[in-house]
Each structure stands twice: as structure tokens, then as C-alpha cells.
Amino acid sequence: MSRHCQVTGAAPSFGKRVSHSHRRTSRRFDPNIQTKRYHVPSLGRTVRLRVSARGIAIIDRRGIESVVAEIRARGEKI
């Protein structure tokens, strides 16, 4: 599975590495993905999410219930 956040949708972006001699080679900017477990009272169980650091802040601000409802509305299985 790719490094993809289930909350924000953050995915790797691509760019160039530039050496001292100014030669350019491809590189990849990965989001800071963490695997976190959250207890969801409405489901009565614990869910495991792959979220970015920004996604964790969104869950802290809005609450796990609303975030899980949004993910399920998109049709993504939890």
C-alpha cells in the first residue's frame, strides 16, 4: 500500500534532487504517515488508520466520530 493518508488524502509528491554540480535526479517527498489506533464508540470497536501528522491534528480537532463518518461516506472500508 502506498504512503497515503486516509484522512487528508496526502500522497507522495515528486521533485528533483540537485547535487553540488547541479545535476538533477528524481526524488520523492513522502508525507509523514503513522499507523494509529482509535477507539470509535459508535462502532463499538477500535479502528486502525494510516494518517499523516496533519491528519492526526484534524482528528484531535474534529473528533474521531466525524472523521470516521466522512471516510465511510467516501466508500472507504475501515
C-alpha atoms as a PDB file:
ATOM      1  CA  MET A   1       0.000   0.000   0.000  1.00  0.00           C
ATOM      2  CA  SER A   2       1.325   3.430  -0.891  1.00  0.00           C
ATOM      3  CA  ARG A   3       2.081   6.116   1.650  1.00  0.00           C
ATOM      4  CA  HIS A   4      -1.370   7.684   1.562  1.00  0.00           C
ATOM      5  CA  CYS A   5      -3.287   9.408   4.391  1.00  0.00           C
ATOM      6  CA  GLN A   6      -6.842   8.132   4.930  1.00  0.00           C
ATOM      7  CA  VAL A   7      -7.978  11.476   6.416  1.00  0.00           C
ATOM      8  CA  THR A   8      -6.368  14.185   4.272  1.00  0.00           C
ATOM      9  CA  GLY A   9      -5.592  12.168   1.159  1.00  0.00           C
ATOM     10  CA  ALA A  10      -1.947  13.292   1.289  1.00  0.00           C
ATOM     11  CA  ALA A  11       0.183  11.259  -1.109  1.00  0.00           C
ATOM     12  CA  PRO A  12       3.832  11.436  -2.179  1.00  0.00           C
ATOM     13  CA  SER A  13       4.845  14.311  -4.426  1.00  0.00           C
ATOM     14  CA  PHE A  14       7.802  14.245  -6.758  1.00  0.00           C
ATOM     15  CA  GLY A  15      10.649  16.610  -7.478  1.00  0.00           C
ATOM     16  CA  LYS A  16      14.348  16.761  -8.219  1.00  0.00           C
ATOM     17  CA  ARG A  17      17.411  16.286  -6.059  1.00  0.00           C
ATOM     18  CA  VAL A  18      20.066  18.850  -7.044  1.00  0.00           C
ATOM     19  CA  SER A  19      23.695  17.942  -6.373  1.00  0.00           C
ATOM     20  CA  HIS A  20      26.628  20.294  -5.847  1.00  0.00           C
ATOM     21  CA  SER A  21      27.446  20.029  -9.562  1.00  0.00           C
ATOM     22  CA  HIS A  22      23.784  20.918 -10.261  1.00  0.00           C
ATOM     23  CA  ARG A  23      22.983  17.517 -11.759  1.00  0.00           C
ATOM     24  CA  ARG A  24      19.304  16.725 -11.242  1.00  0.00           C
ATOM     25  CA  THR A  25      17.900  13.320 -10.318  1.00  0.00           C
ATOM     26  CA  SER A  26      14.372  12.352  -9.339  1.00  0.00           C
ATOM     27  CA  ARG A  27      13.297  12.141  -5.724  1.00  0.00           C
ATOM     28  CA  ARG A  28      10.098  11.663  -3.786  1.00  0.00           C
ATOM     29  CA  PHE A  29       8.635  13.720  -0.929  1.00  0.00           C
ATOM     30  CA  ASP A  30       6.759  11.299   1.342  1.00  0.00           C
ATOM     31  CA  PRO A  31       4.087  12.518   3.788  1.00  0.00           C
ATOM     32  CA  ASN A  32       4.651  11.728   7.468  1.00  0.00           C
ATOM     33  CA  ILE A  33       2.382   8.646   7.665  1.00  0.00           C
ATOM     34  CA  GLN A  34       1.725   6.994  11.034  1.00  0.00           C
ATOM     35  CA  THR A  35      -0.407   3.954  11.842  1.00  0.00           C
ATOM     36  CA  LYS A  36      -2.712   4.927  14.718  1.00  0.00           C
ATOM     37  CA  ARG A  37      -5.403   3.015  16.601  1.00  0.00           C
ATOM     38  CA  TYR A  38      -8.522   4.881  17.682  1.00  0.00           C
ATOM     39  CA  HIS A  39     -11.480   3.618  19.699  1.00  0.00           C
ATOM     40  CA  VAL A  40     -14.758   4.551  17.984  1.00  0.00           C
ATOM     41  CA  PRO A  41     -17.667   4.319  20.464  1.00  0.00           C
ATOM     42  CA  SER A  42     -20.375   4.345  17.769  1.00  0.00           C
ATOM     43  CA  LEU A  43     -18.836   1.268  16.112  1.00  0.00           C
ATOM     44  CA  GLY A  44     -18.012  -0.311  19.471  1.00  0.00           C
ATOM     45  CA  ARG A  45     -14.512  -1.236  18.356  1.00  0.00           C
ATOM     46  CA  THR A  46     -11.022   0.017  17.648  1.00  0.00           C
ATOM     47  CA  VAL A  47     -10.066   1.100  14.131  1.00  0.00           C
ATOM     48  CA  ARG A  48      -6.552   1.272  12.712  1.00  0.00           C
ATOM     49  CA  LEU A  49      -5.915   4.235  10.425  1.00  0.00           C
ATOM     50  CA  ARG A  50      -2.933   5.277   8.292  1.00  0.00           C
ATOM     51  CA  VAL A  51      -2.838   9.024   8.915  1.00  0.00           C
ATOM     52  CA  SER A  52      -0.389  11.852   8.339  1.00  0.00           C
ATOM     53  CA  ALA A  53       0.734  14.153  11.145  1.00  0.00           C
ATOM     54  CA  ARG A  54      -1.726  16.751   9.831  1.00  0.00           C
ATOM     55  CA  GLY A  55      -4.458  14.065   9.809  1.00  0.00           C
ATOM     56  CA  ILE A  56      -3.804  13.349  13.495  1.00  0.00           C
ATOM     57  CA  ALA A  57      -4.280  17.066  14.253  1.00  0.00           C
ATOM     58  CA  ILE A  58      -7.573  17.050  12.308  1.00  0.00           C
ATOM     59  CA  ILE A  59      -8.804  14.043  14.312  1.00  0.00           C
ATOM     60  CA  ASP A  60      -7.855  15.802  17.561  1.00  0.00           C
ATOM     61  CA  ARG A  61      -9.734  18.940  16.483  1.00  0.00           C
ATOM     62  CA  ARG A  62     -12.898  17.452  14.922  1.00  0.00           C
ATOM     63  CA  GLY A  63     -13.140  14.139  16.766  1.00  0.00           C
ATOM     64  CA  ILE A  64     -12.798  10.554  15.597  1.00  0.00           C
ATOM     65  CA  GLU A  65     -16.564  10.082  15.127  1.00  0.00           C
ATOM     66  CA  SER A  66     -16.923  12.770  12.435  1.00  0.00           C
ATOM     67  CA  VAL A  67     -13.700  11.752  10.684  1.00  0.00           C
ATOM     68  CA  VAL A  68     -14.735   8.076  10.523  1.00  0.00           C
ATOM     69  CA  ALA A  69     -18.182   9.090   9.225  1.00  0.00           C
ATOM     70  CA  GLU A  70     -16.512  11.128   6.458  1.00  0.00           C
ATOM     71  CA  ILE A  71     -14.196   8.252   5.494  1.00  0.00           C
ATOM     72  CA  ARG A  72     -17.126   5.812   5.340  1.00  0.00           C
ATOM     73  CA  ALA A  73     -19.184   8.305   3.285  1.00  0.00           C
ATOM     74  CA  ARG A  74     -16.403   8.214   0.676  1.00  0.00           C
ATOM     75  CA  GLY A  75     -16.913   4.452   0.490  1.00  0.00           C
ATOM     76  CA  GLU A  76     -13.578   3.541   2.023  1.00  0.00           C
ATOM     77  CA  LYS A  77     -13.629   0.439   4.205  1.00  0.00           C
ATOM     78  CA  ILE A  78     -12.400   0.800   7.795  1.00  0.00           C
END
